[in-house]
Amino acid sequence: MSKNGGMIGVSDHGGWAVLVTVARDGTLLDRRRVELVDEGLPKIPHHSEAQGLPLDEAVELVERVRVSAEKHAVLALDAVTMAVPRILGVALRKCPQIPPTIAERITDYRAQNNADWVMYRKALASAAEARGWPVHWYDAKSVLGAARQALHVENLDAHFLQVRKAVGPPWNTDHKLAMAAAIVTASAAVE
């Protein structure tokens, strides 16, 4: 993989995400924080705003947020491709199992605590797949160790410190997680 191509790693949150694109050797190609929902819409509707609404209104609200998330996911990937024209795939955090319908997700306590994150991850996955990019799912608990092995380094924090010194802030846990996911996926994709 050359420096003109890379793998995008994603660390997502309620309504936004950090995207870090790296070459196989761990070289940072791009990093950015992206919004994944229109201003004025709730960021965690399953868990929060939908809980106080009649079910039909709650489902409609979540559906509006989902459509917005899908639009913003496309825009986010468009922005990355302006900086790194050759993208080889996207690494997203694994999704927990949730019920199939919005209504079930709103009314099931465990599901409402996970459904918003899943919605954003699926929007990004769908946008990547529409471009023909492979989507890789990573385990946030093991990806840092896997990145250390992929880079053949003893101390991944030292690698991250070098990156932070080179690019400056912001550089936080989300950037590290997204970069680790991209490194692991890029390494596995080309071996």
C-alpha atoms as a PDB file:
ATOM      1  CA  MET A   1       0.000   0.000   0.000  1.00  0.00           C
ATOM      2  CA  SER A   2       1.516   3.302  -0.975  1.00  0.00           C
ATOM      3  CA  LYS A   3       1.104   6.626   0.736  1.00  0.00           C
ATOM      4  CA  ASN A   4      -1.478   7.598  -1.858  1.00  0.00           C
ATOM      5  CA  GLY A   5      -3.792   4.897  -0.559  1.00  0.00           C
ATOM      6  CA  GLY A   6      -5.011   4.102   2.885  1.00  0.00           C
ATOM      7  CA  MET A   7      -7.367   2.456   5.279  1.00  0.00           C
ATOM      8  CA  ILE A   8      -9.835   4.511   7.312  1.00  0.00           C
ATOM      9  CA  GLY A   9     -10.247   3.661  10.978  1.00  0.00           C
ATOM     10  CA  VAL A  10     -13.285   5.024  12.798  1.00  0.00           C
ATOM     11  CA  SER A  11     -13.959   5.773  16.452  1.00  0.00           C
ATOM     12  CA  ASP A  12     -17.604   6.794  16.670  1.00  0.00           C
ATOM     13  CA  HIS A  13     -19.737   8.537  19.257  1.00  0.00           C
ATOM     14  CA  GLY A  14     -23.277   9.820  19.474  1.00  0.00           C
ATOM     15  CA  GLY A  15     -23.639  11.928  16.357  1.00  0.00           C
ATOM     16  CA  TRP A  16     -19.951  12.308  15.469  1.00  0.00           C
ATOM     17  CA  ALA A  17     -16.844  10.284  14.751  1.00  0.00           C
ATOM     18  CA  VAL A  18     -13.102  10.524  14.390  1.00  0.00           C
ATOM     19  CA  LEU A  19     -11.764   9.152  11.102  1.00  0.00           C
ATOM     20  CA  VAL A  20      -8.056   8.378  10.814  1.00  0.00           C
ATOM     21  CA  THR A  21      -6.596   7.181   7.524  1.00  0.00           C
ATOM     22  CA  VAL A  22      -3.238   5.406   7.478  1.00  0.00           C
ATOM     23  CA  ALA A  23      -0.893   3.665   5.094  1.00  0.00           C
ATOM     24  CA  ARG A  24       0.107   0.065   5.812  1.00  0.00           C
ATOM     25  CA  ASP A  25       3.280   1.148   7.559  1.00  0.00           C
ATOM     26  CA  GLY A  26       1.298   3.205  10.063  1.00  0.00           C
ATOM     27  CA  THR A  27       1.933   6.544   8.380  1.00  0.00           C
ATOM     28  CA  LEU A  28      -0.871   8.972   9.096  1.00  0.00           C
ATOM     29  CA  LEU A  29      -2.453  10.174   5.844  1.00  0.00           C
ATOM     30  CA  ASP A  30      -5.497  12.030   7.174  1.00  0.00           C
ATOM     31  CA  ARG A  31      -7.444  12.637  10.377  1.00  0.00           C
ATOM     32  CA  ARG A  32     -10.689  14.429  10.955  1.00  0.00           C
ATOM     33  CA  ARG A  33     -13.684  14.739  13.255  1.00  0.00           C
ATOM     34  CA  VAL A  34     -16.969  14.526  11.366  1.00  0.00           C
ATOM     35  CA  GLU A  35     -20.536  15.248  12.312  1.00  0.00           C
ATOM     36  CA  LEU A  36     -22.931  12.408  11.539  1.00  0.00           C
ATOM     37  CA  VAL A  37     -26.272  14.137  12.017  1.00  0.00           C
ATOM     38  CA  ASP A  38     -27.868  17.427  11.040  1.00  0.00           C
ATOM     39  CA  GLU A  39     -27.818  20.242  13.561  1.00  0.00           C
ATOM     40  CA  GLY A  40     -31.135  20.382  15.365  1.00  0.00           C
ATOM     41  CA  LEU A  41     -31.667  16.617  15.326  1.00  0.00           C
ATOM     42  CA  PRO A  42     -30.976  14.562  18.444  1.00  0.00           C
ATOM     43  CA  LYS A  43     -27.714  12.657  18.516  1.00  0.00           C
ATOM     44  CA  ILE A  44     -28.888   9.687  20.604  1.00  0.00           C
ATOM     45  CA  PRO A  45     -32.603   9.423  19.802  1.00  0.00           C
ATOM     46  CA  HIS A  46     -33.194   5.756  20.727  1.00  0.00           C
ATOM     47  CA  HIS A  47     -31.747   6.271  24.177  1.00  0.00           C
ATOM     48  CA  SER A  48     -32.962   9.757  24.955  1.00  0.00           C
ATOM     49  CA  GLU A  49     -35.433  11.853  22.969  1.00  0.00           C
ATOM     50  CA  ALA A  50     -37.563   8.961  21.708  1.00  0.00           C
ATOM     51  CA  GLN A  51     -38.190   7.776  25.254  1.00  0.00           C
ATOM     52  CA  GLY A  52     -40.600  10.611  26.009  1.00  0.00           C
ATOM     53  CA  LEU A  53     -42.652  10.349  22.814  1.00  0.00           C
ATOM     54  CA  PRO A  54     -45.561   8.175  21.720  1.00  0.00           C
ATOM     55  CA  LEU A  55     -44.104   5.171  19.887  1.00  0.00           C
ATOM     56  CA  ASP A  56     -45.160   6.232  16.369  1.00  0.00           C
ATOM     57  CA  GLU A  57     -43.591   9.688  16.840  1.00  0.00           C
ATOM     58  CA  ALA A  58     -40.485   8.142  18.378  1.00  0.00           C
ATOM     59  CA  VAL A  59     -40.045   5.810  15.405  1.00  0.00           C
ATOM     60  CA  GLU A  60     -40.450   8.736  13.009  1.00  0.00           C
ATOM     61  CA  LEU A  61     -37.847  10.770  14.911  1.00  0.00           C
ATOM     62  CA  VAL A  62     -35.314   7.929  14.858  1.00  0.00           C
ATOM     63  CA  GLU A  63     -35.963   7.442  11.148  1.00  0.00           C
ATOM     64  CA  ARG A  64     -35.196  11.140  10.471  1.00  0.00           C
ATOM     65  CA  VAL A  65     -31.940  10.820  12.406  1.00  0.00           C
ATOM     66  CA  ARG A  66     -31.039   7.628  10.495  1.00  0.00           C
ATOM     67  CA  VAL A  67     -31.582   9.339   7.124  1.00  0.00           C
ATOM     68  CA  SER A  68     -29.471  12.279   8.290  1.00  0.00           C
ATOM     69  CA  ALA A  69     -26.731   9.901   9.491  1.00  0.00           C
ATOM     70  CA  GLU A  70     -26.641   8.190   6.104  1.00  0.00           C
ATOM     71  CA  LYS A  71     -26.295  11.546   4.334  1.00  0.00           C
ATOM     72  CA  HIS A  72     -23.538  12.701   6.679  1.00  0.00           C
ATOM     73  CA  ALA A  73     -21.673   9.390   6.359  1.00  0.00           C
ATOM     74  CA  VAL A  74     -21.483   9.910   2.580  1.00  0.00           C
ATOM     75  CA  LEU A  75     -20.273  13.490   3.082  1.00  0.00           C
ATOM     76  CA  ALA A  76     -17.638  12.350   5.594  1.00  0.00           C
ATOM     77  CA  LEU A  77     -16.232   9.750   3.212  1.00  0.00           C
ATOM     78  CA  ASP A  78     -16.331  12.295   0.367  1.00  0.00           C
ATOM     79  CA  ALA A  79     -14.177  14.597   2.495  1.00  0.00           C
ATOM     80  CA  VAL A  80     -11.626  11.869   3.208  1.00  0.00           C
ATOM     81  CA  THR A  81     -11.328  10.992  -0.477  1.00  0.00           C
ATOM     82  CA  MET A  82     -10.498  14.613  -1.243  1.00  0.00           C
ATOM     83  CA  ALA A  83      -7.389  14.207   0.946  1.00  0.00           C
ATOM     84  CA  VAL A  84      -6.639  10.545   0.182  1.00  0.00           C
ATOM     85  CA  PRO A  85      -8.060   9.606  -3.226  1.00  0.00           C
ATOM     86  CA  ARG A  86      -7.326   5.878  -2.967  1.00  0.00           C
ATOM     87  CA  ILE A  87      -9.140   4.306  -0.026  1.00  0.00           C
ATOM     88  CA  LEU A  88      -8.799   0.572   0.473  1.00  0.00           C
ATOM     89  CA  GLY A  89     -11.454   0.068   3.138  1.00  0.00           C
ATOM     90  CA  VAL A  90     -12.967   1.162   6.419  1.00  0.00           C
ATOM     91  CA  ALA A  91     -12.552  -0.285   9.917  1.00  0.00           C
ATOM     92  CA  LEU A  92     -15.544   0.152  12.234  1.00  0.00           C
ATOM     93  CA  ARG A  93     -16.148  -0.988  15.791  1.00  0.00           C
ATOM     94  CA  LYS A  94     -18.132  -4.228  15.976  1.00  0.00           C
ATOM     95  CA  CYS A  95     -21.864  -3.769  16.516  1.00  0.00           C
ATOM     96  CA  PRO A  96     -23.715  -5.514  19.321  1.00  0.00           C
ATOM     97  CA  GLN A  97     -26.847  -7.422  18.323  1.00  0.00           C
ATOM     98  CA  ILE A  98     -30.013  -5.351  18.557  1.00  0.00           C
ATOM     99  CA  PRO A  99     -33.647  -6.022  17.653  1.00  0.00           C
ATOM    100  CA  PRO A 100     -34.546  -5.564  13.971  1.00  0.00           C
ATOM    101  CA  THR A 101     -37.151  -2.796  14.264  1.00  0.00           C
ATOM    102  CA  ILE A 102     -36.890   0.753  15.536  1.00  0.00           C
ATOM    103  CA  ALA A 103     -39.931   0.215  17.778  1.00  0.00           C
ATOM    104  CA  GLU A 104     -38.290  -2.804  19.430  1.00  0.00           C
ATOM    105  CA  ARG A 105     -35.037  -0.884  19.911  1.00  0.00           C
ATOM    106  CA  ILE A 106     -36.861   1.995  21.590  1.00  0.00           C
ATOM    107  CA  THR A 107     -38.788  -0.223  23.985  1.00  0.00           C
ATOM    108  CA  ASP A 108     -35.977  -2.672  24.868  1.00  0.00           C
ATOM    109  CA  TYR A 109     -33.683  -1.184  27.529  1.00  0.00           C
ATOM    110  CA  ARG A 110     -30.503  -2.956  26.414  1.00  0.00           C
ATOM    111  CA  ALA A 111     -31.198  -2.138  22.781  1.00  0.00           C
ATOM    112  CA  GLN A 112     -31.864   1.545  23.411  1.00  0.00           C
ATOM    113  CA  ASN A 113     -28.417   1.759  25.014  1.00  0.00           C
ATOM    114  CA  ASN A 114     -26.727   0.404  21.867  1.00  0.00           C
ATOM    115  CA  ALA A 115     -28.991   1.274  18.951  1.00  0.00           C
ATOM    116  CA  ASP A 116     -27.698   4.795  18.327  1.00  0.00           C
ATOM    117  CA  TRP A 117     -24.065   3.631  18.023  1.00  0.00           C
ATOM    118  CA  VAL A 118     -25.137   0.817  15.716  1.00  0.00           C
ATOM    119  CA  MET A 119     -27.130   3.265  13.575  1.00  0.00           C
ATOM    120  CA  TYR A 120     -24.075   5.485  13.004  1.00  0.00           C
ATOM    121  CA  ARG A 121     -21.748   2.554  12.327  1.00  0.00           C
ATOM    122  CA  LYS A 122     -24.198   1.063   9.834  1.00  0.00           C
ATOM    123  CA  ALA A 123     -24.550   4.430   8.080  1.00  0.00           C
ATOM    124  CA  LEU A 124     -20.765   4.604   7.654  1.00  0.00           C
ATOM    125  CA  ALA A 125     -20.619   0.950   6.560  1.00  0.00           C
ATOM    126  CA  SER A 126     -23.350   1.513   3.984  1.00  0.00           C
ATOM    127  CA  ALA A 127     -21.603   4.602   2.599  1.00  0.00           C
ATOM    128  CA  ALA A 128     -18.330   2.657   2.310  1.00  0.00           C
ATOM    129  CA  GLU A 129     -19.973  -0.353   0.667  1.00  0.00           C
ATOM    130  CA  ALA A 130     -21.723   1.933  -1.839  1.00  0.00           C
ATOM    131  CA  ARG A 131     -18.224   2.991  -2.959  1.00  0.00           C
ATOM    132  CA  GLY A 132     -17.116  -0.621  -3.246  1.00  0.00           C
ATOM    133  CA  TRP A 133     -14.868  -0.380  -0.186  1.00  0.00           C
ATOM    134  CA  PRO A 134     -14.599  -3.371   2.105  1.00  0.00           C
ATOM    135  CA  VAL A 135     -15.823  -2.865   5.655  1.00  0.00           C
ATOM    136  CA  HIS A 136     -13.897  -4.491   8.476  1.00  0.00           C
ATOM    137  CA  TRP A 137     -15.279  -4.798  12.002  1.00  0.00           C
ATOM    138  CA  TYR A 138     -12.856  -4.499  14.922  1.00  0.00           C
ATOM    139  CA  ASP A 139     -12.978  -5.245  18.631  1.00  0.00           C
ATOM    140  CA  ALA A 140     -12.114  -2.084  20.561  1.00  0.00           C
ATOM    141  CA  LYS A 141     -10.761  -4.136  23.479  1.00  0.00           C
ATOM    142  CA  SER A 142      -8.100  -5.940  21.445  1.00  0.00           C
ATOM    143  CA  VAL A 143      -7.290  -3.577  18.574  1.00  0.00           C
ATOM    144  CA  LEU A 144      -4.467  -1.697  20.329  1.00  0.00           C
ATOM    145  CA  GLY A 145      -2.565  -4.923  21.003  1.00  0.00           C
ATOM    146  CA  ALA A 146      -3.196  -6.076  17.456  1.00  0.00           C
ATOM    147  CA  ALA A 147      -1.856  -2.755  16.103  1.00  0.00           C
ATOM    148  CA  ARG A 148       1.305  -3.132  18.178  1.00  0.00           C
ATOM    149  CA  GLN A 149       1.828  -6.561  16.617  1.00  0.00           C
ATOM    150  CA  ALA A 150       1.012  -5.336  13.100  1.00  0.00           C
ATOM    151  CA  LEU A 151       3.603  -2.558  13.384  1.00  0.00           C
ATOM    152  CA  HIS A 152       6.119  -4.846  15.108  1.00  0.00           C
ATOM    153  CA  VAL A 153       6.671  -2.327  17.891  1.00  0.00           C
ATOM    154  CA  GLU A 154       7.083  -2.931  21.601  1.00  0.00           C
ATOM    155  CA  ASN A 155       5.423   0.319  22.625  1.00  0.00           C
ATOM    156  CA  LEU A 156       2.435   1.543  20.645  1.00  0.00           C
ATOM    157  CA  ASP A 157       2.187   4.621  22.864  1.00  0.00           C
ATOM    158  CA  ALA A 158       5.642   5.682  21.649  1.00  0.00           C
ATOM    159  CA  HIS A 159       4.408   5.366  18.059  1.00  0.00           C
ATOM    160  CA  PHE A 160       1.358   7.466  18.904  1.00  0.00           C
ATOM    161  CA  LEU A 161       3.540  10.037  20.656  1.00  0.00           C
ATOM    162  CA  GLN A 162       5.641  10.400  17.498  1.00  0.00           C
ATOM    163  CA  VAL A 163       2.463  10.883  15.460  1.00  0.00           C
ATOM    164  CA  ARG A 164       1.160  13.500  17.889  1.00  0.00           C
ATOM    165  CA  LYS A 165       4.474  15.375  17.797  1.00  0.00           C
ATOM    166  CA  ALA A 166       4.386  15.364  14.003  1.00  0.00           C
ATOM    167  CA  VAL A 167       0.780  16.472  13.556  1.00  0.00           C
ATOM    168  CA  GLY A 168      -0.046  18.316  16.775  1.00  0.00           C
ATOM    169  CA  PRO A 169      -3.391  18.402  18.544  1.00  0.00           C
ATOM    170  CA  PRO A 170      -6.023  17.228  18.568  1.00  0.00           C
ATOM    171  CA  TRP A 171      -4.701  13.758  19.271  1.00  0.00           C
ATOM    172  CA  ASN A 172      -6.652  11.783  21.846  1.00  0.00           C
ATOM    173  CA  THR A 173      -7.952   8.309  22.659  1.00  0.00           C
ATOM    174  CA  ASP A 174     -10.367   8.382  19.707  1.00  0.00           C
ATOM    175  CA  HIS A 175      -7.544   9.151  17.287  1.00  0.00           C
ATOM    176  CA  LYS A 176      -5.432   6.337  18.758  1.00  0.00           C
ATOM    177  CA  LEU A 177      -8.279   3.813  18.578  1.00  0.00           C
ATOM    178  CA  ALA A 178      -9.198   4.773  15.010  1.00  0.00           C
ATOM    179  CA  MET A 179      -5.560   4.697  13.931  1.00  0.00           C
ATOM    180  CA  ALA A 180      -4.991   1.308  15.561  1.00  0.00           C
ATOM    181  CA  ALA A 181      -8.048  -0.120  13.779  1.00  0.00           C
ATOM    182  CA  ALA A 182      -6.845   1.255  10.455  1.00  0.00           C
ATOM    183  CA  ILE A 183      -3.326  -0.146  11.003  1.00  0.00           C
ATOM    184  CA  VAL A 184      -4.598  -3.610  11.867  1.00  0.00           C
ATOM    185  CA  THR A 185      -7.002  -3.687   8.951  1.00  0.00           C
ATOM    186  CA  ALA A 186      -4.487  -2.301   6.451  1.00  0.00           C
ATOM    187  CA  SER A 187      -1.908  -4.846   7.555  1.00  0.00           C
ATOM    188  CA  ALA A 188      -4.331  -7.762   7.268  1.00  0.00           C
ATOM    189  CA  ALA A 189      -5.782  -6.575   3.952  1.00  0.00           C
ATOM    190  CA  VAL A 190      -2.530  -6.721   2.047  1.00  0.00           C
ATOM    191  CA  GLU A 191      -0.790  -9.773   3.490  1.00  0.00           C
END
